[in-house]
Amino acid sequence: MVLRPPVEPKLAQARDQLPPPGALPGGLIFQPKFDGYRALFFTPSPARGSAVLQSRRGAFIQGRFPDLGQAAGDLPDGLVLDGELVVWAGEQLSFEALRRRVASSGRTAVRLSEELPAHFIAFDDLQADGQELLREPYGRRRERLECLFSVQGLITPWTLCPQMSDVRTAQEWLVAWTQVPGVEGLVIRGRDQRYPPDVRG
């Protein structure tokens, strides 16, 4: 099966505490939860001549982020990345600047892409070489994602979301990072989890 937009992204359930180690299949993986806009990025494919950026609610917003469309040339065709759109203001993330980008269009979008460049923090690979990966365990999808960044030598505006598996360090992250502007908490995945788009996990 080949993924075509719109695709419903998998959403997380909010929790106040870390789950026990065996709560998710394959062991727990921890990532920072950034205060941005959830988005899916589709690179061009034989069935689609240009890149598509889809919001969490299914809207196509690539016209508001021409800088990411131009940077799509760094990515292979037939790829679908799940991630977070963010805008940096100095050394912290600015949700207000990101809102300006999301609300822009036309010449304003082009101008803001130069003044407030967007970044895409990728945390999952849903399709590679035109083949969907939703049934693959997360650990394997992550390996593909890391390989993509390494082989393609990806740099700004593409960012690989950091992750780790040590519970003690994750607890420290949960306390320290939630005090950092632009970081809301942790996203916790199971290493062997699949990606059912219509189920909260």
N, C-alpha and C. Protein backbone atom coordinates (compact mmCIF):
# COMPACT_ATOMS: atom_id res chain seq x y z
N MET A 1 0.84 -1.19 0.00
CA MET A 1 0.00 0.00 0.00
C MET A 1 0.89 1.26 0.00
N VAL A 2 0.48 2.26 -0.74
CA VAL A 2 1.18 3.54 -0.78
C VAL A 2 0.34 4.57 -0.05
N LEU A 3 0.96 5.32 0.85
CA LEU A 3 0.23 6.35 1.60
C LEU A 3 0.04 7.58 0.73
N ARG A 4 -1.18 8.07 0.73
CA ARG A 4 -1.50 9.31 0.02
C ARG A 4 -2.22 10.25 0.99
N PRO A 5 -1.90 11.53 0.92
CA PRO A 5 -2.56 12.48 1.83
C PRO A 5 -4.03 12.63 1.46
N PRO A 6 -4.88 12.89 2.48
CA PRO A 6 -4.53 13.04 3.90
C PRO A 6 -4.45 11.70 4.62
N VAL A 7 -3.55 11.61 5.60
CA VAL A 7 -3.41 10.45 6.47
C VAL A 7 -3.68 10.92 7.89
N GLU A 8 -4.44 10.15 8.65
CA GLU A 8 -4.74 10.54 10.03
C GLU A 8 -3.58 10.15 10.93
N PRO A 9 -2.89 11.12 11.53
CA PRO A 9 -1.73 10.77 12.37
C PRO A 9 -2.16 10.13 13.69
N LYS A 10 -1.30 9.25 14.19
CA LYS A 10 -1.55 8.61 15.48
C LYS A 10 -1.38 9.63 16.59
N LEU A 11 -2.34 9.68 17.52
CA LEU A 11 -2.31 10.64 18.61
C LEU A 11 -1.99 9.94 19.92
N ALA A 12 -1.49 10.70 20.89
CA ALA A 12 -1.10 10.15 22.18
C ALA A 12 -2.15 10.46 23.24
N GLN A 13 -2.19 9.62 24.26
CA GLN A 13 -3.02 9.87 25.43
C GLN A 13 -2.20 10.63 26.46
N ALA A 14 -2.79 11.64 27.09
CA ALA A 14 -2.07 12.41 28.12
C ALA A 14 -2.04 11.62 29.43
N ARG A 15 -0.88 11.59 30.07
CA ARG A 15 -0.70 10.94 31.36
C ARG A 15 0.11 11.85 32.28
N ASP A 16 -0.11 11.73 33.58
CA ASP A 16 0.62 12.56 34.54
C ASP A 16 1.93 11.92 34.99
N GLN A 17 2.05 10.59 34.83
CA GLN A 17 3.24 9.89 35.31
C GLN A 17 3.76 8.96 34.22
N LEU A 18 5.04 8.57 34.37
CA LEU A 18 5.62 7.62 33.44
C LEU A 18 4.96 6.26 33.62
N PRO A 19 4.69 5.53 32.54
CA PRO A 19 4.14 4.19 32.66
C PRO A 19 5.20 3.21 33.17
N PRO A 20 4.80 2.07 33.71
CA PRO A 20 5.78 1.06 34.14
C PRO A 20 6.53 0.50 32.94
N PRO A 21 7.72 -0.07 33.15
CA PRO A 21 8.57 -0.52 32.04
C PRO A 21 7.88 -1.46 31.05
N GLY A 22 6.99 -2.33 31.51
CA GLY A 22 6.38 -3.29 30.60
C GLY A 22 5.05 -2.84 30.02
N ALA A 23 4.73 -1.56 30.14
CA ALA A 23 3.41 -1.08 29.73
C ALA A 23 3.22 -1.08 28.22
N LEU A 24 4.30 -0.96 27.46
CA LEU A 24 4.21 -0.91 26.00
C LEU A 24 5.11 -1.99 25.42
N PRO A 25 4.74 -2.56 24.27
CA PRO A 25 5.50 -3.69 23.71
C PRO A 25 6.91 -3.32 23.32
N GLY A 26 7.86 -4.16 23.75
CA GLY A 26 9.25 -3.99 23.36
C GLY A 26 10.06 -3.07 24.23
N GLY A 27 9.48 -2.51 25.28
CA GLY A 27 10.20 -1.57 26.13
C GLY A 27 9.91 -0.14 25.76
N LEU A 28 10.15 0.77 26.70
CA LEU A 28 9.76 2.17 26.53
C LEU A 28 10.84 2.98 25.84
N ILE A 29 10.39 3.87 24.94
CA ILE A 29 11.25 4.84 24.26
C ILE A 29 10.72 6.23 24.61
N PHE A 30 11.59 7.14 25.02
CA PHE A 30 11.20 8.47 25.47
C PHE A 30 11.73 9.53 24.50
N GLN A 31 10.85 10.48 24.15
CA GLN A 31 11.21 11.61 23.31
C GLN A 31 10.63 12.89 23.90
N PRO A 32 11.28 14.03 23.68
CA PRO A 32 10.69 15.29 24.14
C PRO A 32 9.43 15.62 23.36
N LYS A 33 8.45 16.22 24.05
CA LYS A 33 7.22 16.68 23.40
C LYS A 33 7.36 18.17 23.15
N PHE A 34 7.52 18.53 21.88
CA PHE A 34 7.74 19.93 21.52
C PHE A 34 6.42 20.66 21.34
N ASP A 35 6.41 21.94 21.67
CA ASP A 35 5.23 22.78 21.53
C ASP A 35 5.24 23.39 20.13
N GLY A 36 4.76 22.61 19.17
CA GLY A 36 4.73 23.05 17.79
C GLY A 36 3.43 22.64 17.13
N TYR A 37 3.47 22.43 15.82
CA TYR A 37 2.32 21.97 15.05
C TYR A 37 2.65 20.58 14.50
N ARG A 38 1.84 19.61 14.89
CA ARG A 38 2.01 18.26 14.36
C ARG A 38 1.74 18.28 12.86
N ALA A 39 2.58 17.59 12.09
CA ALA A 39 2.43 17.61 10.64
C ALA A 39 3.01 16.34 10.04
N LEU A 40 2.51 16.00 8.87
CA LEU A 40 3.07 14.93 8.05
C LEU A 40 3.65 15.55 6.78
N PHE A 41 4.84 15.12 6.41
CA PHE A 41 5.50 15.65 5.23
C PHE A 41 5.62 14.55 4.19
N PHE A 42 5.01 14.76 3.02
CA PHE A 42 5.04 13.81 1.91
C PHE A 42 5.97 14.37 0.84
N THR A 43 7.03 13.64 0.51
CA THR A 43 7.88 14.08 -0.59
C THR A 43 7.23 13.69 -1.92
N PRO A 44 7.69 14.27 -3.03
CA PRO A 44 7.09 13.94 -4.33
C PRO A 44 7.15 12.44 -4.61
N SER A 45 6.21 11.98 -5.43
CA SER A 45 6.15 10.58 -5.84
C SER A 45 5.63 10.55 -7.28
N PRO A 46 5.67 9.40 -7.95
CA PRO A 46 5.14 9.34 -9.31
C PRO A 46 3.69 9.79 -9.41
N ALA A 47 2.91 9.56 -8.33
CA ALA A 47 1.49 9.96 -8.35
C ALA A 47 1.29 11.40 -7.91
N ARG A 48 2.35 12.05 -7.40
CA ARG A 48 2.21 13.40 -6.85
C ARG A 48 3.48 14.17 -7.17
N GLY A 49 3.35 15.21 -7.95
CA GLY A 49 4.52 15.89 -8.48
C GLY A 49 5.23 16.83 -7.54
N SER A 50 4.63 17.17 -6.41
CA SER A 50 5.26 18.12 -5.50
C SER A 50 5.09 17.65 -4.06
N ALA A 51 5.86 18.26 -3.16
CA ALA A 51 5.78 17.90 -1.75
C ALA A 51 4.46 18.39 -1.15
N VAL A 52 3.96 17.64 -0.16
CA VAL A 52 2.73 17.99 0.54
C VAL A 52 3.01 18.03 2.03
N LEU A 53 2.56 19.09 2.68
CA LEU A 53 2.65 19.22 4.13
C LEU A 53 1.23 19.22 4.67
N GLN A 54 0.91 18.22 5.49
CA GLN A 54 -0.44 18.05 6.00
C GLN A 54 -0.49 18.31 7.50
N SER A 55 -1.45 19.12 7.94
CA SER A 55 -1.62 19.37 9.36
C SER A 55 -2.25 18.17 10.04
N ARG A 56 -2.26 18.19 11.35
CA ARG A 56 -2.87 17.11 12.13
C ARG A 56 -4.33 16.90 11.76
N ARG A 57 -5.04 17.97 11.41
CA ARG A 57 -6.46 17.88 11.09
C ARG A 57 -6.73 17.61 9.61
N GLY A 58 -5.66 17.39 8.84
CA GLY A 58 -5.83 17.00 7.45
C GLY A 58 -5.73 18.12 6.44
N ALA A 59 -5.51 19.37 6.89
CA ALA A 59 -5.39 20.50 5.96
C ALA A 59 -4.02 20.47 5.27
N PHE A 60 -3.98 20.89 4.01
CA PHE A 60 -2.73 20.95 3.27
C PHE A 60 -2.15 22.35 3.42
N ILE A 61 -0.97 22.46 4.03
CA ILE A 61 -0.42 23.75 4.43
C ILE A 61 0.95 24.01 3.81
N GLN A 62 1.31 23.29 2.75
CA GLN A 62 2.63 23.49 2.14
C GLN A 62 2.81 24.90 1.59
N GLY A 63 1.71 25.54 1.17
CA GLY A 63 1.81 26.91 0.65
C GLY A 63 2.23 27.91 1.71
N ARG A 64 2.04 27.56 2.98
CA ARG A 64 2.42 28.46 4.08
C ARG A 64 3.87 28.26 4.51
N PHE A 65 4.49 27.19 4.00
CA PHE A 65 5.86 26.86 4.37
C PHE A 65 6.68 26.59 3.11
N PRO A 66 6.85 27.63 2.26
CA PRO A 66 7.62 27.41 1.02
C PRO A 66 9.06 27.02 1.27
N ASP A 67 9.61 27.39 2.43
CA ASP A 67 10.99 27.02 2.75
C ASP A 67 11.14 25.51 2.88
N LEU A 68 10.14 24.84 3.47
CA LEU A 68 10.21 23.39 3.59
C LEU A 68 10.01 22.72 2.23
N GLY A 69 9.15 23.32 1.41
CA GLY A 69 8.97 22.78 0.06
C GLY A 69 10.25 22.82 -0.74
N GLN A 70 11.01 23.91 -0.61
CA GLN A 70 12.28 24.02 -1.32
C GLN A 70 13.30 23.02 -0.78
N ALA A 71 13.26 22.80 0.54
CA ALA A 71 14.21 21.88 1.17
C ALA A 71 13.87 20.42 0.89
N ALA A 72 12.70 20.14 0.30
CA ALA A 72 12.31 18.76 0.00
C ALA A 72 13.27 18.10 -0.98
N GLY A 73 14.03 18.92 -1.72
CA GLY A 73 15.02 18.35 -2.64
C GLY A 73 16.10 17.57 -1.94
N ASP A 74 16.26 17.77 -0.62
CA ASP A 74 17.25 17.02 0.15
C ASP A 74 16.75 15.62 0.51
N LEU A 75 15.46 15.36 0.28
CA LEU A 75 14.84 14.11 0.71
C LEU A 75 14.54 13.22 -0.50
N PRO A 76 14.58 11.90 -0.33
CA PRO A 76 14.23 11.00 -1.44
C PRO A 76 12.73 11.03 -1.72
N ASP A 77 12.35 10.66 -2.93
CA ASP A 77 10.94 10.59 -3.30
C ASP A 77 10.25 9.44 -2.58
N GLY A 78 8.92 9.54 -2.48
CA GLY A 78 8.13 8.45 -1.89
C GLY A 78 8.29 8.30 -0.39
N LEU A 79 8.62 9.39 0.30
CA LEU A 79 8.85 9.37 1.75
C LEU A 79 7.71 10.08 2.47
N VAL A 80 7.32 9.56 3.64
CA VAL A 80 6.34 10.24 4.49
C VAL A 80 6.91 10.31 5.90
N LEU A 81 7.12 11.53 6.39
CA LEU A 81 7.66 11.73 7.73
C LEU A 81 6.57 12.28 8.65
N ASP A 82 6.55 11.80 9.88
CA ASP A 82 5.67 12.32 10.93
C ASP A 82 6.54 13.15 11.85
N GLY A 83 6.09 14.37 12.18
CA GLY A 83 6.93 15.20 13.01
C GLY A 83 6.23 16.45 13.51
N GLU A 84 7.04 17.38 13.96
CA GLU A 84 6.54 18.61 14.57
C GLU A 84 7.15 19.81 13.87
N LEU A 85 6.28 20.75 13.44
CA LEU A 85 6.75 22.01 12.89
C LEU A 85 7.05 22.97 14.03
N VAL A 86 8.23 23.60 14.00
CA VAL A 86 8.60 24.57 15.03
C VAL A 86 9.31 25.75 14.38
N VAL A 87 9.36 26.85 15.12
CA VAL A 87 10.12 28.04 14.71
C VAL A 87 10.96 28.47 15.90
N TRP A 88 12.23 28.67 15.66
CA TRP A 88 13.13 29.13 16.72
C TRP A 88 13.16 30.64 16.79
N ALA A 89 13.19 31.17 18.01
CA ALA A 89 13.41 32.59 18.25
C ALA A 89 14.59 32.68 19.21
N GLY A 90 15.77 32.93 18.67
CA GLY A 90 16.97 32.88 19.50
C GLY A 90 17.26 31.45 19.89
N GLU A 91 17.33 31.18 21.19
CA GLU A 91 17.67 29.85 21.67
C GLU A 91 16.45 29.10 22.21
N GLN A 92 15.25 29.58 21.91
CA GLN A 92 14.06 28.88 22.35
C GLN A 92 13.01 28.86 21.24
N LEU A 93 12.07 27.96 21.38
CA LEU A 93 11.00 27.85 20.39
C LEU A 93 9.97 28.94 20.62
N SER A 94 9.41 29.45 19.52
CA SER A 94 8.39 30.50 19.61
C SER A 94 7.11 30.00 18.96
N PHE A 95 6.11 29.71 19.78
CA PHE A 95 4.82 29.28 19.25
C PHE A 95 4.12 30.44 18.56
N GLU A 96 4.33 31.65 19.03
CA GLU A 96 3.72 32.82 18.41
C GLU A 96 4.25 33.00 16.99
N ALA A 97 5.56 32.85 16.80
CA ALA A 97 6.13 32.95 15.46
C ALA A 97 5.59 31.84 14.57
N LEU A 98 5.43 30.66 15.13
CA LEU A 98 4.88 29.55 14.35
C LEU A 98 3.44 29.84 13.94
N ARG A 99 2.66 30.43 14.82
CA ARG A 99 1.28 30.79 14.48
C ARG A 99 1.24 31.78 13.32
N ARG A 100 2.18 32.70 13.31
CA ARG A 100 2.25 33.66 12.19
C ARG A 100 2.52 32.92 10.88
N ARG A 101 3.40 31.94 10.93
CA ARG A 101 3.70 31.17 9.73
C ARG A 101 2.47 30.40 9.26
N VAL A 102 1.77 29.77 10.18
CA VAL A 102 0.61 28.95 9.83
C VAL A 102 -0.51 29.80 9.24
N ALA A 103 -0.63 31.06 9.69
CA ALA A 103 -1.70 31.94 9.22
C ALA A 103 -1.34 32.68 7.94
N SER A 104 -0.13 32.53 7.44
CA SER A 104 0.33 33.31 6.29
C SER A 104 -0.03 32.64 4.98
N SER A 105 0.09 33.41 3.90
CA SER A 105 -0.12 32.87 2.56
C SER A 105 0.54 33.81 1.56
N GLY A 106 0.70 33.33 0.33
CA GLY A 106 1.21 34.16 -0.74
C GLY A 106 2.56 34.81 -0.45
N ARG A 107 2.66 36.13 -0.75
CA ARG A 107 3.91 36.84 -0.55
C ARG A 107 4.30 36.92 0.92
N THR A 108 3.30 37.00 1.79
CA THR A 108 3.60 37.04 3.22
C THR A 108 4.27 35.75 3.67
N ALA A 109 3.78 34.62 3.15
CA ALA A 109 4.39 33.34 3.50
C ALA A 109 5.84 33.27 3.04
N VAL A 110 6.11 33.80 1.85
CA VAL A 110 7.48 33.81 1.33
C VAL A 110 8.36 34.70 2.20
N ARG A 111 7.85 35.88 2.55
CA ARG A 111 8.64 36.79 3.40
C ARG A 111 8.92 36.18 4.76
N LEU A 112 7.89 35.60 5.38
CA LEU A 112 8.08 35.03 6.70
C LEU A 112 8.99 33.81 6.67
N SER A 113 9.02 33.10 5.54
CA SER A 113 9.92 31.95 5.46
C SER A 113 11.37 32.38 5.54
N GLU A 114 11.64 33.63 5.15
CA GLU A 114 13.00 34.17 5.26
C GLU A 114 13.25 34.76 6.64
N GLU A 115 12.23 35.42 7.21
CA GLU A 115 12.39 36.06 8.52
C GLU A 115 12.28 35.07 9.67
N LEU A 116 11.37 34.09 9.53
CA LEU A 116 11.10 33.12 10.60
C LEU A 116 11.14 31.72 10.02
N PRO A 117 12.32 31.23 9.66
CA PRO A 117 12.39 29.91 9.01
C PRO A 117 11.85 28.80 9.91
N ALA A 118 11.14 27.87 9.28
CA ALA A 118 10.55 26.74 10.01
C ALA A 118 11.53 25.57 10.05
N HIS A 119 11.34 24.73 11.03
CA HIS A 119 12.10 23.49 11.17
C HIS A 119 11.11 22.34 11.33
N PHE A 120 11.47 21.19 10.78
CA PHE A 120 10.64 20.00 10.90
C PHE A 120 11.40 18.98 11.74
N ILE A 121 10.89 18.71 12.95
CA ILE A 121 11.51 17.73 13.84
C ILE A 121 10.85 16.39 13.56
N ALA A 122 11.57 15.49 12.90
CA ALA A 122 11.03 14.20 12.48
C ALA A 122 11.16 13.18 13.61
N PHE A 123 10.03 12.52 13.95
CA PHE A 123 10.11 11.47 14.96
C PHE A 123 9.60 10.12 14.47
N ASP A 124 9.14 10.04 13.24
CA ASP A 124 8.71 8.74 12.72
C ASP A 124 8.77 8.74 11.20
N ASP A 125 8.99 7.55 10.64
CA ASP A 125 9.06 7.34 9.20
C ASP A 125 7.91 6.41 8.83
N LEU A 126 6.89 6.94 8.16
CA LEU A 126 5.69 6.16 7.85
C LEU A 126 5.75 5.51 6.48
N GLN A 127 6.64 5.99 5.64
CA GLN A 127 6.76 5.41 4.30
C GLN A 127 8.16 5.70 3.78
N ALA A 128 8.76 4.70 3.13
CA ALA A 128 10.07 4.86 2.52
C ALA A 128 10.07 4.16 1.17
N ASP A 129 10.65 4.81 0.17
CA ASP A 129 10.69 4.26 -1.19
C ASP A 129 9.30 3.89 -1.69
N GLY A 130 8.28 4.65 -1.26
CA GLY A 130 6.93 4.40 -1.72
C GLY A 130 6.23 3.23 -1.05
N GLN A 131 6.84 2.63 -0.03
CA GLN A 131 6.24 1.50 0.68
C GLN A 131 5.88 1.92 2.10
N GLU A 132 4.59 1.77 2.47
CA GLU A 132 4.17 2.19 3.81
C GLU A 132 4.74 1.26 4.87
N LEU A 133 5.01 1.85 6.05
CA LEU A 133 5.68 1.15 7.15
C LEU A 133 4.82 1.06 8.40
N LEU A 134 3.51 1.31 8.30
CA LEU A 134 2.66 1.39 9.48
C LEU A 134 2.63 0.10 10.28
N ARG A 135 2.83 -1.04 9.64
CA ARG A 135 2.79 -2.32 10.35
C ARG A 135 4.15 -2.74 10.89
N GLU A 136 5.18 -1.98 10.54
CA GLU A 136 6.52 -2.26 11.07
C GLU A 136 6.60 -1.79 12.53
N PRO A 137 7.35 -2.50 13.38
CA PRO A 137 7.53 -2.01 14.75
C PRO A 137 8.27 -0.68 14.76
N TYR A 138 7.99 0.14 15.79
CA TYR A 138 8.59 1.46 15.84
C TYR A 138 10.11 1.41 15.78
N GLY A 139 10.73 0.45 16.46
CA GLY A 139 12.19 0.36 16.46
C GLY A 139 12.75 0.26 15.06
N ARG A 140 12.09 -0.48 14.19
CA ARG A 140 12.55 -0.62 12.81
C ARG A 140 12.31 0.66 12.02
N ARG A 141 11.18 1.31 12.27
CA ARG A 141 10.93 2.58 11.59
C ARG A 141 11.97 3.63 12.02
N ARG A 142 12.33 3.62 13.30
CA ARG A 142 13.33 4.56 13.79
C ARG A 142 14.69 4.30 13.14
N GLU A 143 15.04 3.02 12.98
CA GLU A 143 16.30 2.71 12.30
C GLU A 143 16.32 3.27 10.89
N ARG A 144 15.19 3.17 10.20
CA ARG A 144 15.09 3.73 8.85
C ARG A 144 15.25 5.26 8.89
N LEU A 145 14.65 5.87 9.90
CA LEU A 145 14.71 7.32 10.02
C LEU A 145 16.15 7.77 10.30
N GLU A 146 16.84 7.09 11.19
CA GLU A 146 18.22 7.44 11.50
C GLU A 146 19.11 7.23 10.28
N CYS A 147 18.84 6.15 9.53
CA CYS A 147 19.61 5.88 8.32
C CYS A 147 19.38 6.99 7.28
N LEU A 148 18.13 7.44 7.17
CA LEU A 148 17.81 8.54 6.25
C LEU A 148 18.64 9.77 6.57
N PHE A 149 18.68 10.17 7.83
CA PHE A 149 19.43 11.36 8.22
C PHE A 149 20.93 11.17 7.98
N SER A 150 21.43 9.96 8.23
CA SER A 150 22.85 9.70 8.06
C SER A 150 23.24 9.66 6.58
N VAL A 151 22.50 8.89 5.80
CA VAL A 151 22.85 8.70 4.39
C VAL A 151 22.67 9.99 3.60
N GLN A 152 21.56 10.71 3.86
CA GLN A 152 21.29 11.94 3.12
C GLN A 152 22.05 13.14 3.68
N GLY A 153 22.67 12.96 4.86
CA GLY A 153 23.38 14.07 5.48
C GLY A 153 22.47 15.24 5.78
N LEU A 154 21.28 14.94 6.31
CA LEU A 154 20.27 15.98 6.50
C LEU A 154 20.66 16.97 7.59
N ILE A 155 20.46 18.24 7.30
CA ILE A 155 20.68 19.31 8.26
C ILE A 155 19.46 20.23 8.20
N THR A 156 19.54 21.36 8.89
CA THR A 156 18.45 22.34 8.90
C THR A 156 17.86 22.53 7.51
N PRO A 157 16.53 22.48 7.37
CA PRO A 157 15.50 22.57 8.41
C PRO A 157 15.04 21.23 8.97
N TRP A 158 15.72 20.13 8.58
CA TRP A 158 15.32 18.80 9.06
C TRP A 158 16.08 18.47 10.34
N THR A 159 15.36 18.01 11.35
CA THR A 159 15.97 17.67 12.64
C THR A 159 15.46 16.30 13.07
N LEU A 160 16.37 15.44 13.50
CA LEU A 160 16.00 14.12 14.03
C LEU A 160 15.66 14.27 15.50
N CYS A 161 14.46 13.89 15.88
CA CYS A 161 14.02 14.02 17.27
C CYS A 161 14.90 13.15 18.17
N PRO A 162 15.46 13.72 19.25
CA PRO A 162 16.26 12.90 20.16
C PRO A 162 15.38 11.90 20.91
N GLN A 163 15.97 10.78 21.31
CA GLN A 163 15.24 9.80 22.10
C GLN A 163 16.21 8.98 22.94
N MET A 164 15.68 8.32 23.93
CA MET A 164 16.47 7.44 24.79
C MET A 164 15.54 6.45 25.46
N SER A 165 16.12 5.43 26.14
CA SER A 165 15.32 4.37 26.74
C SER A 165 15.53 4.21 28.24
N ASP A 166 16.38 5.04 28.84
CA ASP A 166 16.65 4.93 30.27
C ASP A 166 15.58 5.65 31.08
N VAL A 167 14.87 4.91 31.94
CA VAL A 167 13.75 5.48 32.69
C VAL A 167 14.21 6.57 33.64
N ARG A 168 15.33 6.37 34.29
CA ARG A 168 15.81 7.36 35.26
C ARG A 168 16.11 8.69 34.57
N THR A 169 16.78 8.63 33.42
CA THR A 169 17.06 9.85 32.68
C THR A 169 15.77 10.48 32.19
N ALA A 170 14.80 9.66 31.79
CA ALA A 170 13.52 10.18 31.34
C ALA A 170 12.80 10.93 32.46
N GLN A 171 12.91 10.44 33.67
CA GLN A 171 12.31 11.15 34.81
C GLN A 171 12.97 12.51 35.01
N GLU A 172 14.29 12.56 34.82
CA GLU A 172 15.00 13.84 34.92
C GLU A 172 14.56 14.78 33.80
N TRP A 173 14.40 14.23 32.59
CA TRP A 173 13.91 15.04 31.47
C TRP A 173 12.54 15.62 31.80
N LEU A 174 11.67 14.79 32.38
CA LEU A 174 10.30 15.21 32.63
C LEU A 174 10.27 16.40 33.57
N VAL A 175 11.19 16.44 34.53
CA VAL A 175 11.25 17.55 35.47
C VAL A 175 11.94 18.76 34.84
N ALA A 176 13.09 18.53 34.21
CA ALA A 176 13.90 19.65 33.71
C ALA A 176 13.36 20.25 32.42
N TRP A 177 12.94 19.41 31.49
CA TRP A 177 12.58 19.92 30.17
C TRP A 177 11.25 20.65 30.16
N THR A 178 10.36 20.29 31.07
CA THR A 178 9.07 20.99 31.09
C THR A 178 9.21 22.43 31.58
N GLN A 179 10.40 22.79 32.06
CA GLN A 179 10.66 24.17 32.45
C GLN A 179 11.33 24.96 31.32
N VAL A 180 11.57 24.30 30.19
CA VAL A 180 12.19 24.93 29.04
C VAL A 180 11.10 25.42 28.09
N PRO A 181 11.08 26.70 27.72
CA PRO A 181 10.07 27.19 26.78
C PRO A 181 10.10 26.38 25.47
N GLY A 182 8.94 25.87 25.08
CA GLY A 182 8.85 25.11 23.84
C GLY A 182 8.86 23.61 24.01
N VAL A 183 9.09 23.13 25.24
CA VAL A 183 9.04 21.69 25.50
C VAL A 183 7.95 21.44 26.54
N GLU A 184 6.99 20.57 26.19
CA GLU A 184 5.80 20.38 27.02
C GLU A 184 5.86 19.14 27.90
N GLY A 185 6.76 18.23 27.63
CA GLY A 185 6.80 16.98 28.39
C GLY A 185 7.49 15.90 27.59
N LEU A 186 7.01 14.67 27.71
CA LEU A 186 7.60 13.53 27.02
C LEU A 186 6.55 12.82 26.18
N VAL A 187 6.99 12.26 25.07
CA VAL A 187 6.20 11.29 24.31
C VAL A 187 6.84 9.93 24.55
N ILE A 188 6.02 8.95 24.90
CA ILE A 188 6.52 7.62 25.24
C ILE A 188 5.96 6.61 24.25
N ARG A 189 6.84 5.83 23.65
CA ARG A 189 6.47 4.82 22.66
C ARG A 189 6.97 3.46 23.09
N GLY A 190 6.37 2.43 22.53
CA GLY A 190 6.89 1.08 22.69
C GLY A 190 7.76 0.73 21.51
N ARG A 191 8.91 0.13 21.75
CA ARG A 191 9.85 -0.18 20.66
C ARG A 191 9.21 -1.08 19.60
N ASP A 192 8.27 -1.94 20.02
CA ASP A 192 7.63 -2.86 19.06
C ASP A 192 6.24 -2.39 18.65
N GLN A 193 5.87 -1.16 18.97
CA GLN A 193 4.54 -0.66 18.61
C GLN A 193 4.41 -0.45 17.11
N ARG A 194 3.24 -0.81 16.59
CA ARG A 194 2.88 -0.47 15.21
C ARG A 194 2.29 0.93 15.20
N TYR A 195 1.79 1.36 14.05
CA TYR A 195 1.29 2.72 13.90
C TYR A 195 -0.15 2.69 13.39
N PRO A 196 -1.11 2.34 14.25
CA PRO A 196 -2.52 2.41 13.80
C PRO A 196 -2.99 3.87 13.86
N PRO A 197 -3.22 4.51 12.70
CA PRO A 197 -3.49 5.95 12.69
C PRO A 197 -4.74 6.37 13.46
N ASP A 198 -5.74 5.48 13.58
CA ASP A 198 -7.01 5.89 14.17
C ASP A 198 -7.13 5.51 15.63
N VAL A 199 -6.03 5.18 16.31
CA VAL A 199 -6.06 4.74 17.70
C VAL A 199 -5.10 5.62 18.51
N ARG A 200 -5.60 6.13 19.64
CA ARG A 200 -4.70 6.86 20.55
C ARG A 200 -3.83 5.85 21.30
N GLY A 201 -2.54 6.20 21.46
CA GLY A 201 -1.63 5.28 22.11
C GLY A 201 -0.82 5.95 23.18
